[in-house]
N, C-alpha and C. Protein backbone atom coordinates (compact mmCIF):
# COMPACT_ATOMS: atom_id res chain seq x y z
N MET A 1 156.78 -94.49 -68.91
CA MET A 1 155.56 -94.54 -69.82
C MET A 1 155.78 -95.54 -70.83
N ASP A 2 155.05 -96.38 -71.03
CA ASP A 2 154.89 -97.60 -71.75
C ASP A 2 154.68 -97.14 -73.37
N LEU A 3 155.38 -97.68 -74.30
CA LEU A 3 155.27 -97.49 -75.65
C LEU A 3 153.65 -97.90 -76.13
N HIS A 4 153.35 -99.10 -75.66
CA HIS A 4 151.81 -99.46 -76.06
C HIS A 4 150.85 -98.58 -75.45
N GLY A 5 151.03 -97.95 -74.30
CA GLY A 5 150.04 -97.17 -73.68
C GLY A 5 150.05 -95.78 -74.13
N THR A 6 151.24 -95.29 -74.67
CA THR A 6 151.31 -93.95 -75.28
C THR A 6 150.72 -94.22 -76.68
N ARG A 7 150.90 -95.34 -77.33
CA ARG A 7 150.27 -95.50 -78.72
C ARG A 7 148.74 -95.56 -78.53
N ALA A 8 148.29 -96.26 -77.46
CA ALA A 8 146.79 -96.31 -77.42
C ALA A 8 146.18 -95.11 -77.14
N ILE A 9 146.97 -94.09 -76.43
CA ILE A 9 146.33 -92.76 -76.16
C ILE A 9 146.30 -92.00 -77.54
N GLN A 10 147.44 -92.08 -78.28
CA GLN A 10 147.58 -91.55 -79.49
C GLN A 10 146.25 -91.89 -80.41
N THR A 11 145.92 -93.02 -80.53
CA THR A 11 144.87 -93.63 -81.11
C THR A 11 143.50 -92.95 -80.69
N LEU A 12 143.47 -92.99 -79.38
CA LEU A 12 142.21 -92.34 -78.65
C LEU A 12 142.11 -91.02 -79.07
N VAL A 13 143.20 -90.16 -79.29
CA VAL A 13 143.18 -88.85 -79.60
C VAL A 13 142.88 -88.53 -81.11
N GLU A 14 143.19 -89.54 -81.92
CA GLU A 14 142.71 -89.54 -83.31
C GLU A 14 141.27 -89.85 -83.27
N VAL A 15 140.81 -90.75 -82.87
CA VAL A 15 139.39 -91.13 -82.77
C VAL A 15 138.45 -89.98 -82.25
N LEU A 16 138.81 -89.29 -81.09
CA LEU A 16 137.89 -88.29 -80.55
C LEU A 16 138.18 -87.15 -81.75
N GLY A 17 139.32 -86.90 -82.34
CA GLY A 17 139.51 -86.02 -83.41
C GLY A 17 138.69 -86.05 -84.50
N SER A 18 138.22 -87.42 -84.70
CA SER A 18 137.36 -87.58 -86.00
C SER A 18 136.16 -86.87 -85.98
N GLN A 19 135.51 -86.74 -84.51
CA GLN A 19 134.22 -86.09 -84.29
C GLN A 19 134.53 -85.18 -83.20
N PRO A 20 135.04 -84.07 -83.41
CA PRO A 20 135.22 -83.06 -82.31
C PRO A 20 134.05 -82.61 -81.63
N ALA A 21 132.99 -82.30 -82.45
CA ALA A 21 131.87 -81.83 -81.67
C ALA A 21 131.09 -82.67 -80.95
N ALA A 22 130.91 -83.92 -81.20
CA ALA A 22 130.42 -84.87 -80.72
C ALA A 22 131.11 -85.57 -79.26
N PHE A 23 132.45 -85.26 -79.35
CA PHE A 23 133.40 -85.93 -78.28
C PHE A 23 134.00 -84.49 -77.64
N HIS A 24 133.37 -83.32 -77.64
CA HIS A 24 133.97 -82.01 -77.08
C HIS A 24 134.30 -82.25 -75.55
N HIS A 25 133.40 -82.83 -74.81
CA HIS A 25 133.72 -82.96 -73.44
C HIS A 25 134.75 -83.91 -73.10
N GLU A 26 134.86 -84.87 -73.83
CA GLU A 26 135.78 -86.14 -73.64
C GLU A 26 137.09 -85.56 -73.90
N ILE A 27 137.16 -84.64 -75.22
CA ILE A 27 138.42 -84.05 -75.53
C ILE A 27 138.99 -83.15 -74.49
N LEU A 28 138.22 -82.16 -73.83
CA LEU A 28 138.49 -81.42 -72.65
C LEU A 28 139.06 -82.23 -71.60
N ALA A 29 138.24 -83.22 -71.20
CA ALA A 29 138.57 -84.07 -70.01
C ALA A 29 140.02 -84.58 -70.27
N LEU A 30 140.21 -85.30 -71.32
CA LEU A 30 141.43 -86.00 -71.56
C LEU A 30 142.73 -84.92 -71.63
N GLY A 31 142.46 -83.74 -72.08
CA GLY A 31 143.37 -82.53 -72.03
C GLY A 31 143.65 -82.05 -70.54
N ALA A 32 142.69 -82.10 -69.67
CA ALA A 32 142.62 -81.84 -68.37
C ALA A 32 143.40 -82.69 -67.72
N GLU A 33 143.44 -83.84 -67.89
CA GLU A 33 144.24 -85.07 -67.40
C GLU A 33 145.63 -85.13 -67.94
N MET A 34 145.85 -84.76 -69.24
CA MET A 34 147.27 -84.74 -69.48
C MET A 34 147.98 -83.51 -69.06
N SER A 35 147.15 -82.41 -68.81
CA SER A 35 147.96 -81.29 -68.44
C SER A 35 148.45 -81.42 -67.12
N GLN A 36 148.06 -82.28 -66.33
CA GLN A 36 148.78 -82.84 -64.94
C GLN A 36 150.22 -83.24 -65.37
N TYR A 37 150.34 -83.59 -66.30
CA TYR A 37 151.65 -84.56 -66.64
C TYR A 37 152.50 -83.87 -68.06
N ILE A 38 151.93 -82.61 -68.34
CA ILE A 38 152.44 -82.22 -69.52
C ILE A 38 153.96 -82.19 -69.64
N PHE A 39 154.72 -81.70 -68.72
CA PHE A 39 156.18 -81.52 -68.78
C PHE A 39 156.74 -82.95 -68.95
N ASP A 40 156.26 -84.06 -68.10
CA ASP A 40 156.84 -85.28 -68.35
C ASP A 40 156.47 -85.68 -69.71
N LEU A 41 155.21 -85.67 -70.19
CA LEU A 41 154.92 -86.19 -71.50
C LEU A 41 155.70 -85.70 -72.62
N SER A 42 156.00 -84.37 -72.46
CA SER A 42 156.64 -83.58 -73.63
C SER A 42 157.97 -83.97 -73.67
N THR A 43 158.76 -84.30 -72.63
CA THR A 43 160.16 -84.57 -72.69
C THR A 43 160.48 -86.08 -72.63
N HIS A 44 159.38 -86.77 -72.70
CA HIS A 44 159.69 -88.31 -72.77
C HIS A 44 159.58 -88.96 -74.08
N PRO A 45 160.51 -89.98 -74.40
CA PRO A 45 160.69 -90.50 -75.77
C PRO A 45 159.22 -90.96 -76.28
N ASN A 46 158.46 -91.58 -75.64
CA ASN A 46 157.10 -92.02 -75.87
C ASN A 46 156.14 -90.96 -75.73
N GLY A 47 156.27 -90.32 -74.58
CA GLY A 47 155.25 -89.40 -74.31
C GLY A 47 155.12 -88.19 -75.24
N ASN A 48 155.90 -87.78 -75.61
CA ASN A 48 155.89 -86.72 -76.58
C ASN A 48 155.07 -86.92 -77.71
N HIS A 49 154.95 -88.15 -78.20
CA HIS A 49 154.11 -88.60 -79.48
C HIS A 49 152.72 -88.43 -79.00
N VAL A 50 152.26 -88.66 -77.78
CA VAL A 50 150.93 -88.05 -77.48
C VAL A 50 150.47 -86.85 -77.46
N ILE A 51 151.47 -85.91 -77.11
CA ILE A 51 151.27 -84.39 -77.12
C ILE A 51 151.28 -83.94 -78.71
N GLN A 52 152.10 -84.53 -79.54
CA GLN A 52 152.46 -84.07 -80.90
C GLN A 52 150.94 -84.69 -81.63
N ALA A 53 150.34 -85.71 -80.95
CA ALA A 53 149.14 -86.31 -81.74
C ALA A 53 147.99 -85.26 -81.46
N PHE A 54 147.91 -84.80 -80.34
CA PHE A 54 147.22 -83.72 -79.98
C PHE A 54 147.26 -82.51 -80.87
N LEU A 55 148.36 -82.15 -81.11
CA LEU A 55 148.63 -80.96 -82.03
C LEU A 55 148.62 -81.11 -83.46
N LEU A 56 148.62 -82.38 -83.96
CA LEU A 56 148.31 -82.69 -85.25
C LEU A 56 146.97 -82.90 -85.70
N THR A 57 146.26 -83.57 -84.41
CA THR A 57 144.77 -83.73 -84.79
C THR A 57 143.92 -82.56 -84.68
N PHE A 58 144.31 -81.48 -83.78
CA PHE A 58 143.48 -80.39 -83.65
C PHE A 58 144.56 -79.15 -84.16
N LYS A 59 144.99 -79.41 -85.25
CA LYS A 59 145.98 -78.31 -85.90
C LYS A 59 145.09 -76.94 -86.36
N ALA A 60 145.69 -75.92 -86.45
CA ALA A 60 145.28 -74.82 -87.32
C ALA A 60 145.69 -74.54 -88.36
N SER A 61 147.12 -75.02 -88.54
CA SER A 61 147.63 -74.77 -89.73
C SER A 61 148.65 -76.00 -90.17
N GLU A 62 149.32 -75.87 -91.27
CA GLU A 62 150.20 -76.94 -91.66
C GLU A 62 151.67 -76.42 -91.34
N THR A 63 151.96 -75.10 -91.68
CA THR A 63 153.37 -74.78 -91.65
C THR A 63 153.60 -73.33 -90.81
N PRO A 64 154.55 -73.04 -90.19
CA PRO A 64 154.48 -71.90 -89.28
C PRO A 64 153.92 -70.61 -89.94
N GLU A 65 154.30 -70.31 -91.12
CA GLU A 65 153.78 -69.19 -91.71
C GLU A 65 152.27 -69.18 -92.25
N GLN A 66 151.92 -70.30 -92.48
CA GLN A 66 150.31 -70.36 -92.89
C GLN A 66 149.39 -69.74 -92.00
N LEU A 67 148.39 -69.04 -92.35
CA LEU A 67 147.32 -68.46 -91.73
C LEU A 67 146.57 -69.69 -91.25
N ASP A 68 145.52 -69.34 -90.19
CA ASP A 68 144.55 -70.20 -89.56
C ASP A 68 143.73 -70.92 -90.56
N SER A 69 143.45 -71.84 -90.40
CA SER A 69 142.45 -72.64 -91.25
C SER A 69 141.15 -72.47 -90.87
N PRO A 70 140.22 -72.11 -91.88
CA PRO A 70 138.75 -71.61 -91.18
C PRO A 70 138.23 -72.66 -90.25
N GLY A 71 137.66 -71.87 -89.17
CA GLY A 71 137.19 -72.87 -88.20
C GLY A 71 138.14 -73.34 -87.07
N ALA A 72 139.51 -73.00 -87.37
CA ALA A 72 140.54 -73.65 -86.47
C ALA A 72 140.41 -73.07 -85.02
N GLU A 73 139.97 -71.93 -84.87
CA GLU A 73 139.61 -71.45 -83.39
C GLU A 73 138.83 -72.18 -82.51
N ALA A 74 138.09 -73.02 -83.05
CA ALA A 74 137.25 -73.94 -82.21
C ALA A 74 138.28 -74.93 -81.43
N TYR A 75 139.35 -75.18 -82.06
CA TYR A 75 140.34 -76.30 -81.65
C TYR A 75 141.34 -75.62 -80.70
N ALA A 76 141.26 -74.41 -80.30
CA ALA A 76 142.35 -73.63 -79.43
C ALA A 76 142.26 -74.16 -77.89
N ASP A 77 140.94 -74.49 -77.58
CA ASP A 77 140.77 -75.01 -76.25
C ASP A 77 141.19 -76.23 -75.79
N TYR A 78 141.47 -77.26 -76.93
CA TYR A 78 142.01 -78.37 -76.95
C TYR A 78 143.45 -78.32 -76.65
N THR A 79 144.18 -77.24 -77.33
CA THR A 79 145.79 -77.53 -77.43
C THR A 79 146.23 -76.35 -76.52
N GLN A 80 145.66 -75.55 -75.94
CA GLN A 80 146.04 -74.26 -75.18
C GLN A 80 146.83 -74.84 -73.98
N PHE A 81 146.54 -75.94 -73.26
CA PHE A 81 147.15 -76.36 -72.24
C PHE A 81 148.88 -77.00 -72.64
N ILE A 82 149.17 -77.32 -73.82
CA ILE A 82 150.20 -77.62 -74.42
C ILE A 82 151.16 -76.20 -74.46
N PHE A 83 150.42 -75.23 -75.28
CA PHE A 83 151.25 -73.92 -75.42
C PHE A 83 151.37 -73.42 -73.93
N GLY A 84 150.52 -73.41 -72.96
CA GLY A 84 150.72 -73.00 -71.89
C GLY A 84 152.09 -73.56 -71.12
N ALA A 85 152.19 -74.82 -71.10
CA ALA A 85 153.17 -75.45 -70.59
C ALA A 85 154.43 -75.18 -71.35
N CYS A 86 154.31 -75.02 -72.60
CA CYS A 86 155.58 -74.68 -73.17
C CYS A 86 156.10 -73.51 -72.97
N MET A 87 155.35 -72.50 -72.71
CA MET A 87 155.63 -71.19 -72.45
C MET A 87 156.11 -71.01 -70.87
N ALA A 88 155.51 -71.75 -70.15
CA ALA A 88 155.95 -71.73 -68.69
C ALA A 88 157.30 -72.50 -68.56
N TYR A 89 157.53 -73.38 -69.13
CA TYR A 89 158.74 -74.34 -69.13
C TYR A 89 159.60 -74.43 -70.30
N CYS A 90 159.67 -73.07 -70.96
CA CYS A 90 160.26 -72.89 -72.18
C CYS A 90 161.87 -73.38 -72.30
N ASP A 91 162.51 -73.06 -71.43
CA ASP A 91 163.93 -73.30 -71.22
C ASP A 91 164.09 -74.88 -70.99
N GLN A 92 163.39 -75.54 -70.16
CA GLN A 92 163.46 -76.96 -69.69
C GLN A 92 162.84 -77.81 -70.98
N ILE A 93 161.89 -77.57 -71.48
CA ILE A 93 161.24 -78.15 -72.50
C ILE A 93 161.89 -78.00 -73.87
N GLY A 94 162.22 -76.66 -74.27
CA GLY A 94 162.94 -76.44 -75.61
C GLY A 94 164.29 -77.00 -75.65
N SER A 95 165.08 -77.15 -74.48
CA SER A 95 166.32 -77.67 -74.31
C SER A 95 166.42 -79.27 -74.26
N ASP A 96 165.27 -79.92 -74.51
CA ASP A 96 165.05 -81.17 -74.35
C ASP A 96 165.00 -81.98 -75.66
N LYS A 97 165.78 -82.97 -75.99
CA LYS A 97 165.56 -83.61 -77.33
C LYS A 97 164.14 -83.74 -77.75
N HIS A 98 163.32 -84.40 -76.90
CA HIS A 98 161.84 -84.62 -77.40
C HIS A 98 160.95 -83.45 -77.14
N GLY A 99 161.26 -82.60 -76.18
CA GLY A 99 160.38 -81.45 -75.87
C GLY A 99 160.67 -80.50 -76.92
N CYS A 100 161.92 -80.34 -77.50
CA CYS A 100 161.96 -79.33 -78.80
C CYS A 100 161.25 -79.77 -79.84
N CYS A 101 161.00 -80.93 -80.06
CA CYS A 101 160.15 -81.32 -81.14
C CYS A 101 158.74 -81.14 -80.93
N VAL A 102 158.32 -81.05 -79.79
CA VAL A 102 156.88 -80.73 -79.21
C VAL A 102 156.86 -79.26 -79.60
N MET A 103 157.66 -78.42 -79.20
CA MET A 103 157.64 -76.84 -79.46
C MET A 103 157.51 -76.42 -80.76
N GLN A 104 158.60 -77.32 -81.57
CA GLN A 104 158.44 -77.01 -82.98
C GLN A 104 157.10 -77.39 -83.58
N ARG A 105 156.51 -78.58 -83.10
CA ARG A 105 155.19 -78.74 -83.79
C ARG A 105 154.12 -77.74 -83.40
N CYS A 106 154.02 -77.18 -82.11
CA CYS A 106 153.44 -76.10 -81.67
C CYS A 106 153.52 -74.82 -82.70
N LEU A 107 154.80 -74.49 -83.17
CA LEU A 107 154.94 -73.48 -83.98
C LEU A 107 154.52 -73.51 -85.41
N GLU A 108 154.45 -74.94 -85.71
CA GLU A 108 153.80 -75.23 -87.01
C GLU A 108 152.33 -75.17 -87.04
N LYS A 109 151.77 -76.20 -85.97
CA LYS A 109 150.40 -76.24 -86.10
C LYS A 109 149.23 -75.49 -85.21
N GLY A 110 149.88 -74.66 -84.42
CA GLY A 110 148.97 -73.93 -83.52
C GLY A 110 148.14 -72.64 -84.35
N LEU A 111 147.18 -71.92 -83.70
CA LEU A 111 146.68 -70.98 -84.16
C LEU A 111 147.71 -69.73 -84.04
N THR A 112 147.67 -68.79 -85.05
CA THR A 112 148.57 -67.93 -85.19
C THR A 112 148.91 -67.06 -83.71
N SER A 113 147.86 -66.81 -83.09
CA SER A 113 147.84 -66.08 -81.79
C SER A 113 148.71 -67.28 -80.82
N GLN A 114 148.56 -68.38 -80.84
CA GLN A 114 149.42 -69.40 -80.09
C GLN A 114 150.87 -69.15 -80.43
N LYS A 115 150.97 -69.38 -81.65
CA LYS A 115 152.21 -69.42 -82.05
C LYS A 115 152.97 -68.11 -81.85
N PHE A 116 152.54 -66.91 -82.05
CA PHE A 116 153.02 -65.78 -81.68
C PHE A 116 153.42 -65.49 -80.09
N ALA A 117 152.50 -65.91 -79.43
CA ALA A 117 152.58 -65.97 -78.01
C ALA A 117 153.96 -66.88 -77.61
N LEU A 118 153.94 -67.99 -77.97
CA LEU A 118 155.19 -68.97 -77.71
C LEU A 118 156.34 -68.42 -78.45
N ALA A 119 156.17 -67.86 -79.59
CA ALA A 119 157.52 -67.17 -80.25
C ALA A 119 158.02 -65.95 -79.46
N ASP A 120 157.14 -65.17 -78.68
CA ASP A 120 157.54 -64.20 -77.75
C ASP A 120 158.37 -64.69 -76.70
N VAL A 121 158.00 -65.77 -76.13
CA VAL A 121 158.61 -66.25 -75.04
C VAL A 121 160.03 -66.92 -75.50
N ILE A 122 159.84 -67.53 -76.62
CA ILE A 122 161.14 -68.08 -77.09
C ILE A 122 162.12 -67.06 -77.62
N ILE A 123 161.62 -65.72 -78.02
CA ILE A 123 162.52 -64.62 -78.09
C ILE A 123 163.07 -64.19 -76.81
N SER A 124 162.21 -64.09 -75.80
CA SER A 124 162.61 -63.41 -74.54
C SER A 124 163.78 -64.43 -73.95
N ARG A 125 163.86 -65.71 -74.54
CA ARG A 125 164.84 -66.66 -73.84
C ARG A 125 165.98 -67.00 -74.73
N ILE A 126 166.01 -66.10 -75.83
CA ILE A 126 167.13 -66.44 -77.10
C ILE A 126 168.34 -66.63 -76.68
N HIS A 127 168.74 -65.79 -75.66
CA HIS A 127 170.27 -65.87 -75.08
C HIS A 127 170.57 -67.33 -74.48
N TYR A 128 169.47 -67.93 -73.97
CA TYR A 128 169.89 -69.28 -73.65
C TYR A 128 169.71 -70.40 -74.68
N LEU A 129 168.48 -70.18 -75.36
CA LEU A 129 168.11 -71.21 -76.32
C LEU A 129 169.00 -71.05 -77.67
N ILE A 130 169.59 -70.05 -78.12
CA ILE A 130 170.20 -70.06 -79.32
C ILE A 130 171.67 -70.85 -79.10
N GLU A 131 172.21 -70.95 -77.82
CA GLU A 131 173.39 -71.80 -77.72
C GLU A 131 172.88 -73.17 -77.31
N ASP A 132 171.92 -73.54 -77.21
CA ASP A 132 171.68 -74.90 -76.89
C ASP A 132 171.44 -75.97 -78.09
N PRO A 133 171.95 -77.13 -77.98
CA PRO A 133 171.78 -77.97 -79.04
C PRO A 133 170.46 -78.29 -79.64
N TYR A 134 169.65 -78.11 -78.96
CA TYR A 134 168.01 -78.31 -79.25
C TYR A 134 167.38 -77.01 -79.44
N GLY A 135 167.57 -76.02 -78.31
CA GLY A 135 166.77 -74.86 -78.36
C GLY A 135 166.90 -74.07 -79.53
N ASN A 136 168.39 -74.04 -80.22
CA ASN A 136 168.56 -73.42 -81.26
C ASN A 136 167.68 -73.71 -82.39
N TYR A 137 166.97 -74.76 -82.53
CA TYR A 137 165.88 -75.22 -83.56
C TYR A 137 164.63 -74.43 -83.31
N LEU A 138 164.52 -73.97 -82.22
CA LEU A 138 163.21 -73.16 -81.80
C LEU A 138 163.48 -71.77 -82.43
N VAL A 139 164.64 -71.22 -82.20
CA VAL A 139 164.80 -69.93 -82.75
C VAL A 139 164.87 -69.87 -84.24
N GLN A 140 165.20 -70.89 -84.96
CA GLN A 140 165.07 -71.05 -86.49
C GLN A 140 163.56 -71.03 -86.92
N ASN A 141 162.75 -71.95 -85.95
CA ASN A 141 161.44 -71.98 -86.20
C ASN A 141 160.57 -70.68 -86.04
N VAL A 142 161.03 -69.85 -85.09
CA VAL A 142 160.40 -68.56 -84.98
C VAL A 142 160.64 -67.86 -86.35
N LEU A 143 161.71 -67.92 -86.76
CA LEU A 143 162.13 -67.19 -88.11
C LEU A 143 161.39 -67.71 -89.22
N LYS A 144 160.70 -68.94 -89.16
CA LYS A 144 159.96 -69.35 -90.16
C LYS A 144 158.54 -68.88 -90.04
N LEU A 145 158.17 -68.21 -88.89
CA LEU A 145 156.74 -67.67 -88.84
C LEU A 145 156.65 -66.49 -89.75
N LYS A 146 157.95 -65.99 -90.27
CA LYS A 146 157.83 -64.69 -91.27
C LYS A 146 157.02 -63.76 -90.74
N ASN A 147 157.14 -63.52 -89.60
CA ASN A 147 156.58 -62.27 -88.89
C ASN A 147 157.68 -61.18 -88.70
N GLN A 148 157.51 -60.06 -89.27
CA GLN A 148 158.63 -59.19 -89.32
C GLN A 148 158.86 -58.68 -88.07
N MET A 149 157.95 -58.33 -87.26
CA MET A 149 158.10 -57.88 -85.73
C MET A 149 159.09 -58.88 -84.97
N ARG A 150 158.53 -60.06 -84.96
CA ARG A 150 159.36 -61.02 -84.30
C ARG A 150 160.73 -61.27 -84.97
N ASN A 151 160.82 -60.92 -86.34
CA ASN A 151 162.17 -61.50 -86.92
C ASN A 151 163.33 -60.24 -86.88
N ASP A 152 162.87 -59.12 -86.21
CA ASP A 152 163.76 -58.10 -86.35
C ASP A 152 164.78 -58.26 -85.34
């Protein structure tokens, strides 16, 4: 994955995100295309920035503990493919230097329901992730959700 190519896609995501209602179909099409390569993008030094651009552009919140912004549920369709991959490949993405950053961004920027679903998978894999040099950051970010049920 080329630095300039991934930067061009990040710019495309930002442009599409400037008018999501007008570019709804294009955003879904780009997400569908990217979903085929989500693991590789998430764990690549350049590709992970494309995934993070999606999460930043279509964010529901600024911090893990923050409630969803008004109207944010409209963006869930745009980012769900990222959460799905992070849940399906939790150990592999979460223990990768760049993948861990993607998952941390998910825990910051997703809808509360998306963040909690990902947190539940991370908790189910805690015995592995807590001992991993990168995965342990995910466990720390689950605590930042400040959800008593998940923090017990």
